[in-house]
Amino acid sequence: QSRVGPLEWIGPSTDDAIERAGKACKNIVLTPIAFVSEHIETLVELDEEYAELASEHGVPIYLRVPALGTQPAFIKSLADMVDTRLYQSYGLAPDSRSRICPRGFGKCRCAISGSLEA
C-alpha cells in the first residue's frame, strides 16, 4: 500500500514489498484493487515508478494488472447489485438492517432513509 501523508498506514509499504521481492528474486504481479479506472496513480506510480524500483531491486518480472474500467463482467456486477437493491424494502441499509454509522452521525443514509429497525 502506498504511503499517504504523515499518518500511520497499513503495511508493508509497496516500496518495502518490492525491495523484499527483489532480495528474494521473486516476480511481482500487482493488482490495484482500490481503483476501478486508470488514472495518474496507476499509470505513473504503478506502471513507471514502481516498475523502475522493481528493476533497481532486481525483481525478475514486474506486471501490473489493468484496472477493471468498463470490462463487461465488472459493469454487469455493478448493475446487478443496483438492481438487487432497487427491490428491497429496506432501501439503503445493509442486509442486516443494522446501523453502519455511529449513532451520533446524523447524516447516516440508513437512518435518513428510515430503513433501520428501531
N, C-alpha and C. Protein backbone atom coordinates (compact mmCIF):
# COMPACT_ATOMS: atom_id res chain seq x y z
N GLN A 1 0.85 -1.19 0.00
CA GLN A 1 0.00 0.00 0.00
C GLN A 1 0.88 1.24 0.00
N SER A 2 0.49 2.20 -0.80
CA SER A 2 1.24 3.45 -0.86
C SER A 2 1.07 4.24 0.43
N ARG A 3 2.11 4.94 0.81
CA ARG A 3 2.02 5.80 1.99
C ARG A 3 1.26 7.07 1.61
N VAL A 4 0.40 7.52 2.53
CA VAL A 4 -0.39 8.73 2.29
C VAL A 4 -0.17 9.67 3.45
N GLY A 5 0.55 10.77 3.22
CA GLY A 5 0.76 11.77 4.27
C GLY A 5 1.55 11.24 5.44
N PRO A 6 1.52 12.00 6.56
CA PRO A 6 2.33 11.66 7.73
C PRO A 6 1.69 10.63 8.66
N LEU A 7 0.46 10.21 8.37
CA LEU A 7 -0.24 9.29 9.27
C LEU A 7 0.22 7.85 9.08
N GLU A 8 0.05 7.06 10.13
CA GLU A 8 0.33 5.62 10.07
C GLU A 8 -0.61 5.00 9.04
N TRP A 9 -0.09 4.13 8.20
CA TRP A 9 -0.90 3.49 7.17
C TRP A 9 -0.66 2.00 7.23
N ILE A 10 -1.46 1.25 6.51
CA ILE A 10 -1.27 -0.19 6.55
C ILE A 10 0.08 -0.55 5.92
N GLY A 11 0.57 -1.69 6.24
CA GLY A 11 1.87 -2.08 5.73
C GLY A 11 1.85 -3.50 5.24
N PRO A 12 2.86 -3.96 4.64
CA PRO A 12 4.06 -3.18 4.36
C PRO A 12 3.82 -2.19 3.23
N SER A 13 4.66 -1.18 3.14
CA SER A 13 4.53 -0.23 2.04
C SER A 13 4.88 -0.96 0.74
N THR A 14 4.39 -0.44 -0.36
CA THR A 14 4.69 -1.05 -1.66
C THR A 14 6.19 -1.04 -1.91
N ASP A 15 6.85 0.06 -1.54
CA ASP A 15 8.31 0.14 -1.72
C ASP A 15 9.01 -1.00 -0.98
N ASP A 16 8.62 -1.22 0.28
CA ASP A 16 9.25 -2.29 1.08
C ASP A 16 8.98 -3.66 0.48
N ALA A 17 7.75 -3.88 0.02
CA ALA A 17 7.40 -5.18 -0.57
C ALA A 17 8.20 -5.42 -1.85
N ILE A 18 8.38 -4.39 -2.64
CA ILE A 18 9.17 -4.52 -3.87
C ILE A 18 10.62 -4.84 -3.54
N GLU A 19 11.17 -4.16 -2.55
CA GLU A 19 12.55 -4.42 -2.14
C GLU A 19 12.72 -5.86 -1.66
N ARG A 20 11.78 -6.33 -0.85
CA ARG A 20 11.84 -7.72 -0.35
C ARG A 20 11.72 -8.73 -1.49
N ALA A 21 10.84 -8.44 -2.46
CA ALA A 21 10.69 -9.34 -3.60
C ALA A 21 11.99 -9.42 -4.39
N GLY A 22 12.65 -8.28 -4.55
CA GLY A 22 13.92 -8.27 -5.26
C GLY A 22 14.98 -9.09 -4.55
N LYS A 23 15.07 -8.93 -3.23
CA LYS A 23 16.05 -9.70 -2.45
C LYS A 23 15.79 -11.20 -2.54
N ALA A 24 14.51 -11.58 -2.65
CA ALA A 24 14.13 -12.99 -2.72
C ALA A 24 14.06 -13.48 -4.17
N CYS A 25 14.37 -12.59 -5.12
CA CYS A 25 14.32 -12.91 -6.55
C CYS A 25 12.93 -13.44 -6.96
N LYS A 26 11.90 -12.76 -6.45
CA LYS A 26 10.52 -13.15 -6.75
C LYS A 26 9.91 -12.19 -7.76
N ASN A 27 9.00 -12.73 -8.57
CA ASN A 27 8.24 -11.92 -9.52
C ASN A 27 7.14 -11.17 -8.79
N ILE A 28 6.67 -10.09 -9.39
CA ILE A 28 5.57 -9.31 -8.81
C ILE A 28 4.45 -9.17 -9.84
N VAL A 29 3.24 -9.49 -9.40
CA VAL A 29 2.03 -9.18 -10.16
C VAL A 29 1.22 -8.27 -9.25
N LEU A 30 1.12 -7.00 -9.62
CA LEU A 30 0.48 -6.00 -8.79
C LEU A 30 -0.94 -5.74 -9.28
N THR A 31 -1.91 -5.82 -8.37
CA THR A 31 -3.31 -5.59 -8.71
C THR A 31 -3.81 -4.38 -7.95
N PRO A 32 -4.20 -3.31 -8.65
CA PRO A 32 -4.69 -2.10 -7.97
C PRO A 32 -6.15 -2.25 -7.54
N ILE A 33 -6.38 -3.04 -6.49
CA ILE A 33 -7.75 -3.37 -6.09
C ILE A 33 -8.57 -2.18 -5.61
N ALA A 34 -7.92 -1.11 -5.22
CA ALA A 34 -8.66 0.05 -4.72
C ALA A 34 -9.14 0.97 -5.85
N PHE A 35 -8.75 0.68 -7.07
CA PHE A 35 -9.10 1.55 -8.19
C PHE A 35 -9.87 0.78 -9.25
N VAL A 36 -10.89 1.42 -9.81
CA VAL A 36 -11.65 0.78 -10.88
C VAL A 36 -11.34 1.40 -12.24
N SER A 37 -10.54 2.46 -12.26
CA SER A 37 -10.19 3.08 -13.54
C SER A 37 -8.71 3.43 -13.56
N GLU A 38 -8.20 3.59 -14.77
CA GLU A 38 -6.81 4.01 -14.93
C GLU A 38 -6.73 5.51 -14.66
N HIS A 39 -5.72 5.93 -13.96
CA HIS A 39 -5.53 7.34 -13.65
C HIS A 39 -4.06 7.55 -13.27
N ILE A 40 -3.72 8.71 -12.76
CA ILE A 40 -2.32 9.05 -12.51
C ILE A 40 -1.61 8.05 -11.59
N GLU A 41 -2.31 7.54 -10.58
CA GLU A 41 -1.64 6.63 -9.65
C GLU A 41 -1.33 5.29 -10.31
N THR A 42 -2.23 4.81 -11.16
CA THR A 42 -1.93 3.54 -11.83
C THR A 42 -0.95 3.75 -12.98
N LEU A 43 -1.17 4.77 -13.76
CA LEU A 43 -0.35 4.96 -14.96
C LEU A 43 1.06 5.47 -14.69
N VAL A 44 1.23 6.28 -13.66
CA VAL A 44 2.56 6.81 -13.36
C VAL A 44 3.20 6.05 -12.20
N GLU A 45 2.53 6.06 -11.04
CA GLU A 45 3.15 5.45 -9.86
C GLU A 45 3.35 3.95 -10.04
N LEU A 46 2.30 3.23 -10.43
CA LEU A 46 2.42 1.78 -10.54
C LEU A 46 3.18 1.34 -11.79
N ASP A 47 2.84 1.92 -12.94
CA ASP A 47 3.44 1.48 -14.20
C ASP A 47 4.86 1.98 -14.42
N GLU A 48 5.18 3.17 -13.91
CA GLU A 48 6.50 3.72 -14.17
C GLU A 48 7.40 3.70 -12.93
N GLU A 49 6.95 4.36 -11.86
CA GLU A 49 7.82 4.49 -10.68
C GLU A 49 8.09 3.14 -10.01
N TYR A 50 7.05 2.36 -9.78
CA TYR A 50 7.26 1.07 -9.12
C TYR A 50 7.94 0.07 -10.05
N ALA A 51 7.69 0.16 -11.35
CA ALA A 51 8.39 -0.72 -12.29
C ALA A 51 9.88 -0.42 -12.26
N GLU A 52 10.23 0.86 -12.19
CA GLU A 52 11.64 1.25 -12.10
C GLU A 52 12.26 0.77 -10.79
N LEU A 53 11.53 0.93 -9.69
CA LEU A 53 12.02 0.46 -8.39
C LEU A 53 12.23 -1.05 -8.41
N ALA A 54 11.29 -1.77 -9.03
CA ALA A 54 11.42 -3.22 -9.12
C ALA A 54 12.68 -3.60 -9.91
N SER A 55 12.92 -2.90 -10.99
CA SER A 55 14.11 -3.15 -11.80
C SER A 55 15.38 -2.87 -10.99
N GLU A 56 15.38 -1.76 -10.25
CA GLU A 56 16.54 -1.40 -9.43
C GLU A 56 16.84 -2.45 -8.36
N HIS A 57 15.79 -3.11 -7.86
CA HIS A 57 15.97 -4.11 -6.80
C HIS A 57 16.09 -5.53 -7.34
N GLY A 58 16.16 -5.68 -8.66
CA GLY A 58 16.39 -7.00 -9.24
C GLY A 58 15.17 -7.90 -9.31
N VAL A 59 13.97 -7.33 -9.29
CA VAL A 59 12.76 -8.14 -9.45
C VAL A 59 12.75 -8.68 -10.88
N PRO A 60 12.70 -10.01 -11.06
CA PRO A 60 12.78 -10.58 -12.41
C PRO A 60 11.64 -10.13 -13.34
N ILE A 61 10.42 -10.19 -12.85
CA ILE A 61 9.26 -9.81 -13.65
C ILE A 61 8.35 -8.93 -12.81
N TYR A 62 7.96 -7.79 -13.36
CA TYR A 62 7.02 -6.88 -12.69
C TYR A 62 5.86 -6.65 -13.65
N LEU A 63 4.67 -7.08 -13.26
CA LEU A 63 3.47 -6.90 -14.07
C LEU A 63 2.40 -6.20 -13.25
N ARG A 64 1.67 -5.30 -13.90
CA ARG A 64 0.55 -4.64 -13.23
C ARG A 64 -0.73 -5.03 -13.95
N VAL A 65 -1.67 -5.58 -13.20
CA VAL A 65 -2.97 -5.97 -13.75
C VAL A 65 -3.76 -4.70 -14.07
N PRO A 66 -4.40 -4.62 -15.22
CA PRO A 66 -5.19 -3.42 -15.55
C PRO A 66 -6.35 -3.22 -14.58
N ALA A 67 -6.74 -1.96 -14.39
CA ALA A 67 -7.92 -1.66 -13.59
C ALA A 67 -9.15 -2.22 -14.32
N LEU A 68 -10.22 -2.41 -13.57
CA LEU A 68 -11.43 -3.02 -14.14
C LEU A 68 -12.07 -2.18 -15.23
N GLY A 69 -12.04 -0.86 -15.07
CA GLY A 69 -12.58 0.01 -16.12
C GLY A 69 -14.00 -0.33 -16.51
N THR A 70 -14.21 -0.52 -17.81
CA THR A 70 -15.55 -0.81 -18.32
C THR A 70 -15.67 -2.25 -18.80
N GLN A 71 -14.89 -3.14 -18.21
CA GLN A 71 -14.99 -4.54 -18.60
C GLN A 71 -16.42 -5.03 -18.36
N PRO A 72 -17.01 -5.71 -19.32
CA PRO A 72 -18.41 -6.12 -19.22
C PRO A 72 -18.78 -6.87 -17.94
N ALA A 73 -17.94 -7.77 -17.47
CA ALA A 73 -18.27 -8.53 -16.26
C ALA A 73 -18.35 -7.61 -15.04
N PHE A 74 -17.47 -6.62 -14.96
CA PHE A 74 -17.48 -5.68 -13.85
C PHE A 74 -18.73 -4.80 -13.90
N ILE A 75 -19.04 -4.26 -15.07
CA ILE A 75 -20.22 -3.41 -15.22
C ILE A 75 -21.48 -4.21 -14.91
N LYS A 76 -21.56 -5.45 -15.36
CA LYS A 76 -22.72 -6.29 -15.07
C LYS A 76 -22.85 -6.53 -13.57
N SER A 77 -21.73 -6.75 -12.89
CA SER A 77 -21.76 -6.94 -11.43
C SER A 77 -22.33 -5.72 -10.73
N LEU A 78 -21.87 -4.54 -11.13
CA LEU A 78 -22.38 -3.30 -10.53
C LEU A 78 -23.88 -3.15 -10.81
N ALA A 79 -24.28 -3.40 -12.04
CA ALA A 79 -25.69 -3.28 -12.40
C ALA A 79 -26.54 -4.27 -11.61
N ASP A 80 -26.04 -5.49 -11.45
CA ASP A 80 -26.78 -6.50 -10.68
C ASP A 80 -26.95 -6.08 -9.23
N MET A 81 -25.91 -5.48 -8.63
CA MET A 81 -26.01 -5.03 -7.23
C MET A 81 -27.04 -3.92 -7.10
N VAL A 82 -27.03 -2.98 -8.03
CA VAL A 82 -28.01 -1.89 -8.00
C VAL A 82 -29.41 -2.45 -8.20
N ASP A 83 -29.56 -3.32 -9.18
CA ASP A 83 -30.86 -3.91 -9.48
C ASP A 83 -31.42 -4.66 -8.26
N THR A 84 -30.57 -5.40 -7.57
CA THR A 84 -30.99 -6.14 -6.37
C THR A 84 -31.49 -5.18 -5.31
N ARG A 85 -30.78 -4.09 -5.09
CA ARG A 85 -31.16 -3.12 -4.05
C ARG A 85 -32.46 -2.39 -4.39
N LEU A 86 -32.76 -2.21 -5.65
CA LEU A 86 -33.97 -1.49 -6.05
C LEU A 86 -35.23 -2.16 -5.52
N TYR A 87 -35.20 -3.45 -5.36
CA TYR A 87 -36.40 -4.19 -4.99
C TYR A 87 -36.43 -4.61 -3.53
N GLN A 88 -35.50 -4.11 -2.73
CA GLN A 88 -35.50 -4.42 -1.30
C GLN A 88 -36.24 -3.34 -0.55
N SER A 89 -37.14 -3.74 0.32
CA SER A 89 -37.99 -2.78 1.02
C SER A 89 -37.20 -1.92 2.00
N TYR A 90 -36.03 -2.37 2.43
CA TYR A 90 -35.29 -1.60 3.42
C TYR A 90 -34.25 -0.68 2.78
N GLY A 91 -34.30 -0.49 1.51
CA GLY A 91 -33.53 0.55 0.83
C GLY A 91 -32.04 0.52 1.04
N LEU A 92 -31.55 1.55 1.69
CA LEU A 92 -30.11 1.78 1.77
C LEU A 92 -29.39 1.05 2.89
N ALA A 93 -30.11 0.45 3.79
CA ALA A 93 -29.47 -0.24 4.91
C ALA A 93 -28.78 -1.51 4.44
N PRO A 94 -27.77 -1.95 5.14
CA PRO A 94 -27.14 -3.22 4.79
C PRO A 94 -28.12 -4.37 5.01
N ASP A 95 -27.78 -5.53 4.50
CA ASP A 95 -28.68 -6.69 4.62
C ASP A 95 -29.10 -6.97 6.05
N SER A 96 -28.23 -6.68 7.01
CA SER A 96 -28.56 -6.95 8.41
C SER A 96 -29.57 -5.95 8.96
N ARG A 97 -29.85 -4.90 8.20
CA ARG A 97 -30.75 -3.81 8.60
C ARG A 97 -30.24 -3.13 9.87
N SER A 98 -28.96 -3.18 10.10
CA SER A 98 -28.39 -2.54 11.28
C SER A 98 -27.64 -1.28 10.87
N ARG A 99 -27.41 -0.43 11.83
CA ARG A 99 -26.73 0.84 11.59
C ARG A 99 -25.27 0.57 11.19
N ILE A 100 -24.83 1.28 10.17
CA ILE A 100 -23.42 1.18 9.78
C ILE A 100 -22.64 2.42 10.17
N CYS A 101 -23.34 3.46 10.62
CA CYS A 101 -22.69 4.70 11.07
C CYS A 101 -22.85 4.83 12.58
N PRO A 102 -21.94 5.53 13.25
CA PRO A 102 -22.12 5.77 14.68
C PRO A 102 -23.44 6.51 14.94
N ARG A 103 -24.06 6.28 16.07
CA ARG A 103 -25.35 6.90 16.40
C ARG A 103 -25.29 8.43 16.32
N GLY A 104 -24.17 9.03 16.68
CA GLY A 104 -24.07 10.48 16.68
C GLY A 104 -23.93 11.08 15.29
N PHE A 105 -23.77 10.25 14.27
CA PHE A 105 -23.61 10.74 12.90
C PHE A 105 -24.99 10.92 12.29
N GLY A 106 -25.51 12.15 12.36
CA GLY A 106 -26.88 12.43 11.97
C GLY A 106 -27.19 12.30 10.50
N LYS A 107 -26.17 12.24 9.65
CA LYS A 107 -26.43 12.16 8.22
C LYS A 107 -26.26 10.74 7.67
N CYS A 108 -26.32 9.75 8.54
CA CYS A 108 -26.22 8.36 8.11
C CYS A 108 -27.37 8.07 7.15
N ARG A 109 -27.05 7.62 5.93
CA ARG A 109 -28.09 7.35 4.93
C ARG A 109 -29.06 6.29 5.40
N CYS A 110 -28.61 5.35 6.20
CA CYS A 110 -29.52 4.32 6.72
C CYS A 110 -30.56 4.95 7.64
N ALA A 111 -30.12 5.85 8.50
CA ALA A 111 -31.05 6.49 9.43
C ALA A 111 -31.99 7.43 8.69
N ILE A 112 -31.47 8.20 7.75
CA ILE A 112 -32.29 9.15 7.00
C ILE A 112 -33.37 8.43 6.20
N SER A 113 -33.02 7.29 5.62
CA SER A 113 -33.98 6.58 4.78
C SER A 113 -35.06 5.89 5.60
N GLY A 114 -34.87 5.83 6.93
CA GLY A 114 -35.85 5.14 7.78
C GLY A 114 -35.79 3.64 7.62
N SER A 115 -34.67 3.14 7.11
CA SER A 115 -34.58 1.71 6.82
C SER A 115 -34.05 0.89 7.99
N LEU A 116 -33.77 1.54 9.11
CA LEU A 116 -33.27 0.81 10.27
C LEU A 116 -34.41 0.34 11.15
N GLU A 117 -34.19 -0.82 11.75
CA GLU A 117 -35.16 -1.28 12.74
C GLU A 117 -34.98 -0.47 14.01
N ALA A 118 -36.03 -0.25 14.74
CA ALA A 118 -35.95 0.54 15.98
C ALA A 118 -35.20 -0.20 17.05
